[in-house]
Amino acid sequence: MTDSEKNSAPPAIFIMGPTASGKTALAMSLMKHLPVELISVDSALIYRGMDIGTAKPTAEELTQAPHRLIDILDPALAYSAADFRRDALREMAEITARNKIPLLVGGTMLYFKALLEGLSPLPAADADVRERIEKQAAEQGWEALHDQLREIDPVAAMRIHPNDPQRLSRALEVFFISGKTLTELTKISGETLPYRVYQFAIAPTRRELLHARIEERFSQMLSNGFEDEVRTLIARGDLHTDLPSIRCVGYRQMWSYLSGEFDYDEMVYRGVCATRQLAKRQMTWLRGWEGVDWLDSEKPEEALSRVIQVVSA
């Protein structure tokens, strides 16, 4: 998009940040000052029946500030960055048609990237190819398939852990279908976002404060009934730990505890550690993000004023 096209394009706002950084609070404050409607950018909040462990906004909060793209999918189903881009573009167009500004809030950086830059021309999933890969994994183990990927696409193999069957099988599937590696194809850019985007990242300036918030939030989830929520998911009988929904931070650890793999204290420790690691990955994404305006979550009034000032200029 040229500079003139950007200037004439409709506005959109991104509020990005690590988990427990105050994104939702800022977004709800913005609703009182700007003509915005919220779109969730979170790969966990899309799932129905997964409310406590995802820190989903409460019913009261959703009444005050409705979020689009929350509770849109059953946990047994997968949802890709391409799915998100398609749905987000539809929601953004509807909001813009109402003379409002789309306000996209969340921490799934891959979704933000897909929306902003477009997607590489990756082939659609092929059930037959995927079945052959899974059959080979059952016979030889995922470690052997990871070795195979290392030969085909060493860059992708460095990024993908042998214990991540979904991403591992997808990388192999892409090569078997297209004859090109995932690394090659992802270098081809897609269609950019036809909006004038104001990008903000919110986080505490002190890492120890973010860690304290993460511990506090995990403790609150447990008090709110997180264990019973996961018991309900297990009782369905059709869910398992290879699904993206159950691999969400916190759910995997609680599922393992309820399956007898370790005790309660170990579950809490692992859940907090996994959430910290997620926050670290999110911060790594954001530090390399171009054109982002940083906000200090320890100074919410200043953060609010900054967004209003930039968007209203």
C-alpha atoms as a PDB file:
ATOM      1  CA  MET A   1       0.000   0.000   0.000  1.00  0.00           C
ATOM      2  CA  THR A   2       1.375   3.446  -0.964  1.00  0.00           C
ATOM      3  CA  ASP A   3       1.554   6.341   1.515  1.00  0.00           C
ATOM      4  CA  SER A   4      -1.388   8.085  -0.153  1.00  0.00           C
ATOM      5  CA  GLU A   5      -3.454   4.891   0.007  1.00  0.00           C
ATOM      6  CA  LYS A   6      -2.566   4.514   3.690  1.00  0.00           C
ATOM      7  CA  ASN A   7      -3.671   8.071   4.434  1.00  0.00           C
ATOM      8  CA  SER A   8      -7.043   7.525   2.760  1.00  0.00           C
ATOM      9  CA  ALA A   9      -7.572   4.057   4.258  1.00  0.00           C
ATOM     10  CA  PRO A  10      -9.959   3.604   7.207  1.00  0.00           C
ATOM     11  CA  PRO A  11      -8.322   3.535  10.670  1.00  0.00           C
ATOM     12  CA  ALA A  12      -7.787   0.513  12.907  1.00  0.00           C
ATOM     13  CA  ILE A  13      -6.101   0.176  16.295  1.00  0.00           C
ATOM     14  CA  PHE A  14      -3.950  -2.711  17.549  1.00  0.00           C
ATOM     15  CA  ILE A  15      -3.487  -3.154  21.321  1.00  0.00           C
ATOM     16  CA  MET A  16      -0.878  -5.893  21.698  1.00  0.00           C
ATOM     17  CA  GLY A  17       0.923  -7.194  24.755  1.00  0.00           C
ATOM     18  CA  PRO A  18       1.929 -10.185  26.843  1.00  0.00           C
ATOM     19  CA  THR A  19      -0.531 -12.089  28.980  1.00  0.00           C
ATOM     20  CA  ALA A  20      -1.658 -10.279  32.171  1.00  0.00           C
ATOM     21  CA  SER A  21      -0.415  -6.893  30.916  1.00  0.00           C
ATOM     22  CA  GLY A  22      -3.662  -4.914  31.128  1.00  0.00           C
ATOM     23  CA  LYS A  23      -4.754  -5.014  27.470  1.00  0.00           C
ATOM     24  CA  THR A  24      -8.452  -5.588  28.197  1.00  0.00           C
ATOM     25  CA  ALA A  25      -8.617  -2.842  30.818  1.00  0.00           C
ATOM     26  CA  LEU A  26      -7.083  -0.355  28.383  1.00  0.00           C
ATOM     27  CA  ALA A  27      -9.430  -1.415  25.599  1.00  0.00           C
ATOM     28  CA  MET A  28     -12.491  -1.002  27.809  1.00  0.00           C
ATOM     29  CA  SER A  29     -11.310   2.469  28.845  1.00  0.00           C
ATOM     30  CA  LEU A  30     -10.830   3.426  25.191  1.00  0.00           C
ATOM     31  CA  MET A  31     -14.457   2.563  24.471  1.00  0.00           C
ATOM     32  CA  LYS A  32     -15.476   5.504  26.656  1.00  0.00           C
ATOM     33  CA  HIS A  33     -13.409   7.958  24.607  1.00  0.00           C
ATOM     34  CA  LEU A  34     -13.275   6.699  21.009  1.00  0.00           C
ATOM     35  CA  PRO A  35     -15.894   5.265  18.604  1.00  0.00           C
ATOM     36  CA  VAL A  36     -14.405   1.749  18.675  1.00  0.00           C
ATOM     37  CA  GLU A  37     -15.643  -1.831  18.626  1.00  0.00           C
ATOM     38  CA  LEU A  38     -13.480  -4.659  19.973  1.00  0.00           C
ATOM     39  CA  ILE A  39     -12.142  -7.689  18.136  1.00  0.00           C
ATOM     40  CA  SER A  40     -10.308 -10.321  20.181  1.00  0.00           C
ATOM     41  CA  VAL A  41      -6.928 -11.469  18.840  1.00  0.00           C
ATOM     42  CA  ASP A  42      -6.424 -14.511  21.035  1.00  0.00           C
ATOM     43  CA  SER A  43      -6.038 -18.144  19.973  1.00  0.00           C
ATOM     44  CA  ALA A  44      -7.473 -19.380  23.295  1.00  0.00           C
ATOM     45  CA  LEU A  45     -10.488 -17.080  23.681  1.00  0.00           C
ATOM     46  CA  ILE A  46     -11.993 -18.447  20.467  1.00  0.00           C
ATOM     47  CA  TYR A  47     -12.975 -21.689  22.262  1.00  0.00           C
ATOM     48  CA  ARG A  48     -16.336 -22.226  23.919  1.00  0.00           C
ATOM     49  CA  GLY A  49     -16.368 -23.781  27.388  1.00  0.00           C
ATOM     50  CA  MET A  50     -12.832 -22.551  28.112  1.00  0.00           C
ATOM     51  CA  ASP A  51     -13.513 -19.438  30.150  1.00  0.00           C
ATOM     52  CA  ILE A  52     -11.574 -19.599  33.414  1.00  0.00           C
ATOM     53  CA  GLY A  53      -8.205 -20.862  32.190  1.00  0.00           C
ATOM     54  CA  THR A  54      -8.152 -18.338  29.340  1.00  0.00           C
ATOM     55  CA  ALA A  55      -9.036 -15.390  31.626  1.00  0.00           C
ATOM     56  CA  LYS A  56     -11.922 -14.651  29.274  1.00  0.00           C
ATOM     57  CA  PRO A  57     -13.661 -11.331  29.984  1.00  0.00           C
ATOM     58  CA  THR A  58     -16.548 -11.789  32.410  1.00  0.00           C
ATOM     59  CA  ALA A  59     -20.191 -11.672  31.318  1.00  0.00           C
ATOM     60  CA  GLU A  60     -20.412  -8.191  32.873  1.00  0.00           C
ATOM     61  CA  GLU A  61     -17.345  -7.009  30.956  1.00  0.00           C
ATOM     62  CA  LEU A  62     -18.674  -8.455  27.700  1.00  0.00           C
ATOM     63  CA  THR A  63     -21.983  -6.667  28.267  1.00  0.00           C
ATOM     64  CA  GLN A  64     -20.131  -3.373  28.726  1.00  0.00           C
ATOM     65  CA  ALA A  65     -17.680  -4.045  25.906  1.00  0.00           C
ATOM     66  CA  PRO A  66     -18.733  -6.803  23.475  1.00  0.00           C
ATOM     67  CA  HIS A  67     -15.756  -8.638  21.948  1.00  0.00           C
ATOM     68  CA  ARG A  68     -15.982 -10.165  18.498  1.00  0.00           C
ATOM     69  CA  LEU A  69     -14.238 -13.517  17.781  1.00  0.00           C
ATOM     70  CA  ILE A  70     -14.747 -14.866  21.301  1.00  0.00           C
ATOM     71  CA  ASP A  71     -16.563 -18.206  21.834  1.00  0.00           C
ATOM     72  CA  ILE A  72     -16.730 -18.988  18.114  1.00  0.00           C
ATOM     73  CA  LEU A  73     -15.346 -22.555  18.068  1.00  0.00           C
ATOM     74  CA  ASP A  74     -15.711 -25.916  19.785  1.00  0.00           C
ATOM     75  CA  PRO A  75     -12.485 -27.099  21.501  1.00  0.00           C
ATOM     76  CA  ALA A  76     -12.389 -30.210  19.304  1.00  0.00           C
ATOM     77  CA  LEU A  77     -11.733 -28.053  16.222  1.00  0.00           C
ATOM     78  CA  ALA A  78      -8.590 -26.332  14.951  1.00  0.00           C
ATOM     79  CA  TYR A  79      -8.331 -22.675  13.946  1.00  0.00           C
ATOM     80  CA  SER A  80      -5.505 -21.292  11.833  1.00  0.00           C
ATOM     81  CA  ALA A  81      -3.991 -17.863  11.289  1.00  0.00           C
ATOM     82  CA  ALA A  82      -5.682 -17.924   7.875  1.00  0.00           C
ATOM     83  CA  ASP A  83      -9.050 -18.567   9.553  1.00  0.00           C
ATOM     84  CA  PHE A  84      -8.421 -15.649  11.883  1.00  0.00           C
ATOM     85  CA  ARG A  85      -7.454 -13.294   9.058  1.00  0.00           C
ATOM     86  CA  ARG A  86     -10.603 -14.165   7.110  1.00  0.00           C
ATOM     87  CA  ASP A  87     -12.846 -13.664  10.150  1.00  0.00           C
ATOM     88  CA  ALA A  88     -11.087 -10.520  11.381  1.00  0.00           C
ATOM     89  CA  LEU A  89     -11.293  -8.846   7.957  1.00  0.00           C
ATOM     90  CA  ARG A  90     -15.024  -9.575   7.864  1.00  0.00           C
ATOM     91  CA  GLU A  91     -15.543  -8.118  11.348  1.00  0.00           C
ATOM     92  CA  MET A  92     -13.383  -5.079  10.574  1.00  0.00           C
ATOM     93  CA  ALA A  93     -15.400  -4.354   7.428  1.00  0.00           C
ATOM     94  CA  GLU A  94     -18.654  -4.537   9.403  1.00  0.00           C
ATOM     95  CA  ILE A  95     -17.315  -2.178  12.081  1.00  0.00           C
ATOM     96  CA  THR A  96     -15.979   0.281   9.506  1.00  0.00           C
ATOM     97  CA  ALA A  97     -19.334   0.247   7.689  1.00  0.00           C
ATOM     98  CA  ARG A  98     -20.912   1.391  10.976  1.00  0.00           C
ATOM     99  CA  ASN A  99     -18.500   4.366  11.038  1.00  0.00           C
ATOM    100  CA  LYS A 100     -16.647   2.875  13.984  1.00  0.00           C
ATOM    101  CA  ILE A 101     -12.954   2.026  14.414  1.00  0.00           C
ATOM    102  CA  PRO A 102     -11.926  -1.642  14.740  1.00  0.00           C
ATOM    103  CA  LEU A 103      -9.968  -2.077  17.982  1.00  0.00           C
ATOM    104  CA  LEU A 104      -8.036  -5.358  17.876  1.00  0.00           C
ATOM    105  CA  VAL A 105      -6.870  -6.531  21.292  1.00  0.00           C
ATOM    106  CA  GLY A 106      -4.857  -9.593  22.261  1.00  0.00           C
ATOM    107  CA  GLY A 107      -1.574 -11.401  22.585  1.00  0.00           C
ATOM    108  CA  THR A 108      -1.533 -13.908  19.719  1.00  0.00           C
ATOM    109  CA  MET A 109       1.201 -12.229  17.746  1.00  0.00           C
ATOM    110  CA  LEU A 110       0.998 -14.658  14.819  1.00  0.00           C
ATOM    111  CA  TYR A 111      -2.599 -13.542  14.252  1.00  0.00           C
ATOM    112  CA  PHE A 112      -1.588  -9.864  14.288  1.00  0.00           C
ATOM    113  CA  LYS A 113       1.232 -10.613  11.833  1.00  0.00           C
ATOM    114  CA  ALA A 114      -1.061 -12.557   9.493  1.00  0.00           C
ATOM    115  CA  LEU A 115      -3.596  -9.747   9.545  1.00  0.00           C
ATOM    116  CA  LEU A 116      -1.054  -6.972   9.023  1.00  0.00           C
ATOM    117  CA  GLU A 117       1.177  -8.578   6.400  1.00  0.00           C
ATOM    118  CA  GLY A 118      -1.021 -11.188   4.786  1.00  0.00           C
ATOM    119  CA  LEU A 119      -0.277 -14.880   4.536  1.00  0.00           C
ATOM    120  CA  SER A 120       2.194 -16.818   2.463  1.00  0.00           C
ATOM    121  CA  PRO A 121       0.663 -19.034  -0.248  1.00  0.00           C
ATOM    122  CA  LEU A 122       0.741 -22.276   1.730  1.00  0.00           C
ATOM    123  CA  PRO A 123      -1.172 -25.255   0.315  1.00  0.00           C
ATOM    124  CA  ALA A 124      -4.430 -26.322   1.929  1.00  0.00           C
ATOM    125  CA  ALA A 125      -4.366 -29.312   4.243  1.00  0.00           C
ATOM    126  CA  ASP A 126      -4.589 -32.698   2.551  1.00  0.00           C
ATOM    127  CA  ALA A 127      -6.235 -35.457   4.611  1.00  0.00           C
ATOM    128  CA  ASP A 128      -4.484 -38.276   2.717  1.00  0.00           C
ATOM    129  CA  VAL A 129      -1.026 -36.748   3.132  1.00  0.00           C
ATOM    130  CA  ARG A 130      -1.688 -36.020   6.811  1.00  0.00           C
ATOM    131  CA  GLU A 131      -2.851 -39.620   7.344  1.00  0.00           C
ATOM    132  CA  ARG A 132       0.380 -40.956   5.809  1.00  0.00           C
ATOM    133  CA  ILE A 133       2.441 -38.706   8.069  1.00  0.00           C
ATOM    134  CA  GLU A 134       0.523 -39.790  11.178  1.00  0.00           C
ATOM    135  CA  LYS A 135       0.872 -43.456  10.180  1.00  0.00           C
ATOM    136  CA  GLN A 136       4.622 -42.994   9.825  1.00  0.00           C
ATOM    137  CA  ALA A 137       4.737 -41.269  13.211  1.00  0.00           C
ATOM    138  CA  ALA A 138       2.854 -44.170  14.813  1.00  0.00           C
ATOM    139  CA  GLU A 139       5.367 -46.618  13.373  1.00  0.00           C
ATOM    140  CA  GLN A 140       8.614 -44.674  13.831  1.00  0.00           C
ATOM    141  CA  GLY A 141       7.850 -41.938  16.375  1.00  0.00           C
ATOM    142  CA  TRP A 142       7.750 -38.161  16.010  1.00  0.00           C
ATOM    143  CA  GLU A 143      11.485 -37.927  16.709  1.00  0.00           C
ATOM    144  CA  ALA A 144      12.160 -39.792  13.450  1.00  0.00           C
ATOM    145  CA  LEU A 145       9.871 -37.428  11.549  1.00  0.00           C
ATOM    146  CA  HIS A 146      11.669 -34.475  13.107  1.00  0.00           C
ATOM    147  CA  ASP A 147      14.942 -35.923  11.782  1.00  0.00           C
ATOM    148  CA  GLN A 148      13.295 -36.136   8.366  1.00  0.00           C
ATOM    149  CA  LEU A 149      12.207 -32.497   8.581  1.00  0.00           C
ATOM    150  CA  ARG A 150      15.750 -31.504   9.551  1.00  0.00           C
ATOM    151  CA  GLU A 151      16.958 -32.981   6.269  1.00  0.00           C
ATOM    152  CA  ILE A 152      14.217 -31.272   4.239  1.00  0.00           C
ATOM    153  CA  ASP A 153      13.943 -27.911   6.017  1.00  0.00           C
ATOM    154  CA  PRO A 154      16.609 -27.344   8.700  1.00  0.00           C
ATOM    155  CA  VAL A 155      15.379 -23.818   9.456  1.00  0.00           C
ATOM    156  CA  ALA A 156      11.854 -25.034  10.263  1.00  0.00           C
ATOM    157  CA  ALA A 157      13.270 -27.973  12.226  1.00  0.00           C
ATOM    158  CA  MET A 158      15.145 -25.563  14.487  1.00  0.00           C
ATOM    159  CA  ARG A 159      11.876 -23.743  15.227  1.00  0.00           C
ATOM    160  CA  ILE A 160       9.647 -26.784  15.688  1.00  0.00           C
ATOM    161  CA  HIS A 161      10.053 -29.061  18.701  1.00  0.00           C
ATOM    162  CA  PRO A 162       9.858 -32.848  18.155  1.00  0.00           C
ATOM    163  CA  ASN A 163       7.032 -32.912  20.725  1.00  0.00           C
ATOM    164  CA  ASP A 164       4.865 -30.554  18.669  1.00  0.00           C
ATOM    165  CA  PRO A 165       3.118 -32.983  16.302  1.00  0.00           C
ATOM    166  CA  GLN A 166       0.712 -30.421  14.851  1.00  0.00           C
ATOM    167  CA  ARG A 167       3.389 -28.022  13.589  1.00  0.00           C
ATOM    168  CA  LEU A 168       5.764 -30.844  12.672  1.00  0.00           C
ATOM    169  CA  SER A 169       3.211 -32.676  10.546  1.00  0.00           C
ATOM    170  CA  ARG A 170       2.153 -29.409   8.897  1.00  0.00           C
ATOM    171  CA  ALA A 171       5.751 -28.584   7.891  1.00  0.00           C
ATOM    172  CA  LEU A 172       6.153 -32.023   6.318  1.00  0.00           C
ATOM    173  CA  GLU A 173       2.715 -31.861   4.710  1.00  0.00           C
ATOM    174  CA  VAL A 174       3.548 -28.524   3.039  1.00  0.00           C
ATOM    175  CA  PHE A 175       6.684 -30.026   1.492  1.00  0.00           C
ATOM    176  CA  PHE A 176       5.014 -33.246   0.354  1.00  0.00           C
ATOM    177  CA  ILE A 177       2.143 -31.322  -1.311  1.00  0.00           C
ATOM    178  CA  SER A 178       4.050 -28.413  -2.880  1.00  0.00           C
ATOM    179  CA  GLY A 179       7.607 -29.686  -3.254  1.00  0.00           C
ATOM    180  CA  LYS A 180       8.748 -26.499  -1.498  1.00  0.00           C
ATOM    181  CA  THR A 181       9.751 -26.090   2.118  1.00  0.00           C
ATOM    182  CA  LEU A 182       7.745 -24.187   4.692  1.00  0.00           C
ATOM    183  CA  THR A 183      10.680 -21.792   5.039  1.00  0.00           C
ATOM    184  CA  GLU A 184      10.697 -21.056   1.300  1.00  0.00           C
ATOM    185  CA  LEU A 185       6.966 -20.422   1.113  1.00  0.00           C
ATOM    186  CA  THR A 186       6.761 -18.231   4.205  1.00  0.00           C
ATOM    187  CA  LYS A 187       9.226 -15.811   2.608  1.00  0.00           C
ATOM    188  CA  ILE A 188       6.590 -14.983  -0.003  1.00  0.00           C
ATOM    189  CA  SER A 189       4.469 -12.161   1.393  1.00  0.00           C
ATOM    190  CA  GLY A 190       0.711 -12.003   1.112  1.00  0.00           C
ATOM    191  CA  GLU A 191      -1.825  -9.211   0.782  1.00  0.00           C
ATOM    192  CA  THR A 192      -1.265  -6.373   3.260  1.00  0.00           C
ATOM    193  CA  LEU A 193      -3.994  -4.963   5.493  1.00  0.00           C
ATOM    194  CA  PRO A 194      -6.041  -2.227   3.747  1.00  0.00           C
ATOM    195  CA  TYR A 195      -6.270  -0.061   6.880  1.00  0.00           C
ATOM    196  CA  ARG A 196      -4.341   2.792   8.470  1.00  0.00           C
ATOM    197  CA  VAL A 197      -3.167   0.939  11.564  1.00  0.00           C
ATOM    198  CA  TYR A 198      -2.185   2.535  14.868  1.00  0.00           C
ATOM    199  CA  GLN A 199      -0.095  -0.065  16.696  1.00  0.00           C
ATOM    200  CA  PHE A 200       0.400  -0.059  20.467  1.00  0.00           C
ATOM    201  CA  ALA A 201       2.083  -2.509  22.829  1.00  0.00           C
ATOM    202  CA  ILE A 202       1.348  -2.443  26.550  1.00  0.00           C
ATOM    203  CA  ALA A 203       3.486  -4.105  29.233  1.00  0.00           C
ATOM    204  CA  PRO A 204       4.978  -3.330  32.646  1.00  0.00           C
ATOM    205  CA  THR A 205       8.460  -1.825  32.509  1.00  0.00           C
ATOM    206  CA  ARG A 206       9.533  -4.200  35.285  1.00  0.00           C
ATOM    207  CA  ARG A 207       9.605  -7.899  34.465  1.00  0.00           C
ATOM    208  CA  GLU A 208       9.102  -8.893  38.111  1.00  0.00           C
ATOM    209  CA  LEU A 209       5.758  -7.076  38.118  1.00  0.00           C
ATOM    210  CA  LEU A 210       4.585  -9.049  35.086  1.00  0.00           C
ATOM    211  CA  HIS A 211       5.671 -12.278  36.785  1.00  0.00           C
ATOM    212  CA  ALA A 212       3.779 -11.310  39.933  1.00  0.00           C
ATOM    213  CA  ARG A 213       0.640 -10.587  37.891  1.00  0.00           C
ATOM    214  CA  ILE A 214       0.940 -13.959  36.162  1.00  0.00           C
ATOM    215  CA  GLU A 215       1.178 -15.790  39.505  1.00  0.00           C
ATOM    216  CA  GLU A 216      -1.752 -13.810  40.875  1.00  0.00           C
ATOM    217  CA  ARG A 217      -3.863 -14.520  37.805  1.00  0.00           C
ATOM    218  CA  PHE A 218      -3.110 -18.260  37.883  1.00  0.00           C
ATOM    219  CA  SER A 219      -4.020 -18.393  41.569  1.00  0.00           C
ATOM    220  CA  GLN A 220      -7.275 -16.570  40.829  1.00  0.00           C
ATOM    221  CA  MET A 221      -8.095 -19.038  38.051  1.00  0.00           C
ATOM    222  CA  LEU A 222      -7.695 -21.915  40.484  1.00  0.00           C
ATOM    223  CA  SER A 223      -9.955 -20.164  43.009  1.00  0.00           C
ATOM    224  CA  ASN A 224     -12.534 -19.540  40.293  1.00  0.00           C
ATOM    225  CA  GLY A 225     -12.879 -23.248  39.457  1.00  0.00           C
ATOM    226  CA  PHE A 226     -10.302 -23.921  36.750  1.00  0.00           C
ATOM    227  CA  GLU A 227      -9.895 -27.549  37.859  1.00  0.00           C
ATOM    228  CA  ASP A 228     -13.623 -28.242  37.454  1.00  0.00           C
ATOM    229  CA  GLU A 229     -13.589 -26.557  34.049  1.00  0.00           C
ATOM    230  CA  VAL A 230     -10.890 -28.946  32.805  1.00  0.00           C
ATOM    231  CA  ARG A 231     -12.654 -31.942  34.415  1.00  0.00           C
ATOM    232  CA  THR A 232     -15.689 -31.029  32.322  1.00  0.00           C
ATOM    233  CA  LEU A 233     -13.567 -30.949  29.170  1.00  0.00           C
ATOM    234  CA  ILE A 234     -12.026 -34.343  29.990  1.00  0.00           C
ATOM    235  CA  ALA A 235     -15.485 -35.810  30.646  1.00  0.00           C
ATOM    236  CA  ARG A 236     -16.537 -35.031  27.072  1.00  0.00           C
ATOM    237  CA  GLY A 237     -14.364 -37.918  25.905  1.00  0.00           C
ATOM    238  CA  ASP A 238     -13.537 -36.469  22.489  1.00  0.00           C
ATOM    239  CA  LEU A 239     -10.707 -34.125  23.494  1.00  0.00           C
ATOM    240  CA  HIS A 240      -7.005 -34.900  23.917  1.00  0.00           C
ATOM    241  CA  THR A 241      -3.693 -33.167  24.537  1.00  0.00           C
ATOM    242  CA  ASP A 242      -2.694 -33.017  20.850  1.00  0.00           C
ATOM    243  CA  LEU A 243      -5.501 -30.558  20.126  1.00  0.00           C
ATOM    244  CA  PRO A 244      -4.560 -26.860  19.964  1.00  0.00           C
ATOM    245  CA  SER A 245      -7.254 -26.040  22.527  1.00  0.00           C
ATOM    246  CA  ILE A 246      -5.924 -28.420  25.175  1.00  0.00           C
ATOM    247  CA  ARG A 247      -2.344 -27.344  24.444  1.00  0.00           C
ATOM    248  CA  CYS A 248      -3.245 -23.829  25.599  1.00  0.00           C
ATOM    249  CA  VAL A 249      -1.135 -22.661  28.542  1.00  0.00           C
ATOM    250  CA  GLY A 250      -2.599 -23.878  31.821  1.00  0.00           C
ATOM    251  CA  TYR A 251      -4.937 -26.423  30.252  1.00  0.00           C
ATOM    252  CA  ARG A 252      -2.150 -28.816  29.310  1.00  0.00           C
ATOM    253  CA  GLN A 253      -0.715 -28.679  32.847  1.00  0.00           C
ATOM    254  CA  MET A 254      -4.103 -29.113  34.549  1.00  0.00           C
ATOM    255  CA  TRP A 255      -4.991 -31.964  32.177  1.00  0.00           C
ATOM    256  CA  SER A 256      -1.717 -33.739  33.033  1.00  0.00           C
ATOM    257  CA  TYR A 257      -2.375 -33.288  36.762  1.00  0.00           C
ATOM    258  CA  LEU A 258      -5.891 -34.694  36.477  1.00  0.00           C
ATOM    259  CA  SER A 259      -4.470 -37.605  34.451  1.00  0.00           C
ATOM    260  CA  GLY A 260      -2.176 -38.455  37.377  1.00  0.00           C
ATOM    261  CA  GLU A 261       1.115 -37.430  35.748  1.00  0.00           C
ATOM    262  CA  PHE A 262       2.148 -35.236  38.703  1.00  0.00           C
ATOM    263  CA  ASP A 263       0.750 -33.701  41.898  1.00  0.00           C
ATOM    264  CA  TYR A 264      -1.147 -30.464  42.472  1.00  0.00           C
ATOM    265  CA  ASP A 265       1.843 -28.368  43.543  1.00  0.00           C
ATOM    266  CA  GLU A 266       3.775 -29.456  40.454  1.00  0.00           C
ATOM    267  CA  MET A 267       0.789 -28.504  38.291  1.00  0.00           C
ATOM    268  CA  VAL A 268       0.740 -25.005  39.781  1.00  0.00           C
ATOM    269  CA  TYR A 269       4.496 -24.628  39.313  1.00  0.00           C
ATOM    270  CA  ARG A 270       4.382 -25.843  35.714  1.00  0.00           C
ATOM    271  CA  GLY A 271       1.324 -23.743  34.898  1.00  0.00           C
ATOM    272  CA  VAL A 272       2.957 -20.544  36.173  1.00  0.00           C
ATOM    273  CA  CYS A 273       6.257 -21.362  34.411  1.00  0.00           C
ATOM    274  CA  ALA A 274       4.480 -22.059  31.115  1.00  0.00           C
ATOM    275  CA  THR A 275       2.601 -18.759  31.379  1.00  0.00           C
ATOM    276  CA  ARG A 276       5.853 -16.898  32.052  1.00  0.00           C
ATOM    277  CA  GLN A 277       7.410 -18.558  29.009  1.00  0.00           C
ATOM    278  CA  LEU A 278       4.415 -17.499  26.912  1.00  0.00           C
ATOM    279  CA  ALA A 279       4.827 -13.899  28.102  1.00  0.00           C
ATOM    280  CA  LYS A 280       8.528 -14.040  27.261  1.00  0.00           C
ATOM    281  CA  ARG A 281       7.766 -15.232  23.701  1.00  0.00           C
ATOM    282  CA  GLN A 282       5.178 -12.487  23.302  1.00  0.00           C
ATOM    283  CA  MET A 283       7.670  -9.848  24.460  1.00  0.00           C
ATOM    284  CA  THR A 284      10.281 -11.200  22.040  1.00  0.00           C
ATOM    285  CA  TRP A 285       7.795 -10.798  19.169  1.00  0.00           C
ATOM    286  CA  LEU A 286       6.956  -7.260  20.260  1.00  0.00           C
ATOM    287  CA  ARG A 287      10.549  -6.093  20.665  1.00  0.00           C
ATOM    288  CA  GLY A 288      11.139  -6.939  17.023  1.00  0.00           C
ATOM    289  CA  TRP A 289       7.863  -5.366  15.875  1.00  0.00           C
ATOM    290  CA  GLU A 290       8.174  -2.313  13.629  1.00  0.00           C
ATOM    291  CA  GLY A 291       6.113   0.833  14.084  1.00  0.00           C
ATOM    292  CA  VAL A 292       4.800   0.048  17.562  1.00  0.00           C
ATOM    293  CA  ASP A 293       4.136   2.687  20.228  1.00  0.00           C
ATOM    294  CA  TRP A 294       5.034   1.333  23.698  1.00  0.00           C
ATOM    295  CA  LEU A 295       2.747   1.960  26.670  1.00  0.00           C
ATOM    296  CA  ASP A 296       3.542   1.442  30.364  1.00  0.00           C
ATOM    297  CA  SER A 297       0.825  -0.676  31.990  1.00  0.00           C
ATOM    298  CA  GLU A 298       1.894   0.667  35.396  1.00  0.00           C
ATOM    299  CA  LYS A 299       0.626   4.087  34.242  1.00  0.00           C
ATOM    300  CA  PRO A 300      -2.836   3.316  32.806  1.00  0.00           C
ATOM    301  CA  GLU A 301      -3.999   6.953  32.601  1.00  0.00           C
ATOM    302  CA  GLU A 302      -0.908   7.941  30.623  1.00  0.00           C
ATOM    303  CA  ALA A 303      -1.359   4.909  28.343  1.00  0.00           C
ATOM    304  CA  LEU A 304      -4.987   5.842  27.706  1.00  0.00           C
ATOM    305  CA  SER A 305      -4.094   9.473  26.972  1.00  0.00           C
ATOM    306  CA  ARG A 306      -1.332   8.428  24.582  1.00  0.00           C
ATOM    307  CA  VAL A 307      -3.621   6.225  22.488  1.00  0.00           C
ATOM    308  CA  ILE A 308      -6.314   8.900  22.317  1.00  0.00           C
ATOM    309  CA  GLN A 309      -3.716  11.527  21.353  1.00  0.00           C
ATOM    310  CA  VAL A 310      -2.178   9.443  18.559  1.00  0.00           C
ATOM    311  CA  VAL A 311      -5.464   8.222  17.083  1.00  0.00           C
ATOM    312  CA  SER A 312      -7.130  11.638  17.281  1.00  0.00           C
ATOM    313  CA  ALA A 313      -4.208  13.554  15.737  1.00  0.00           C
END
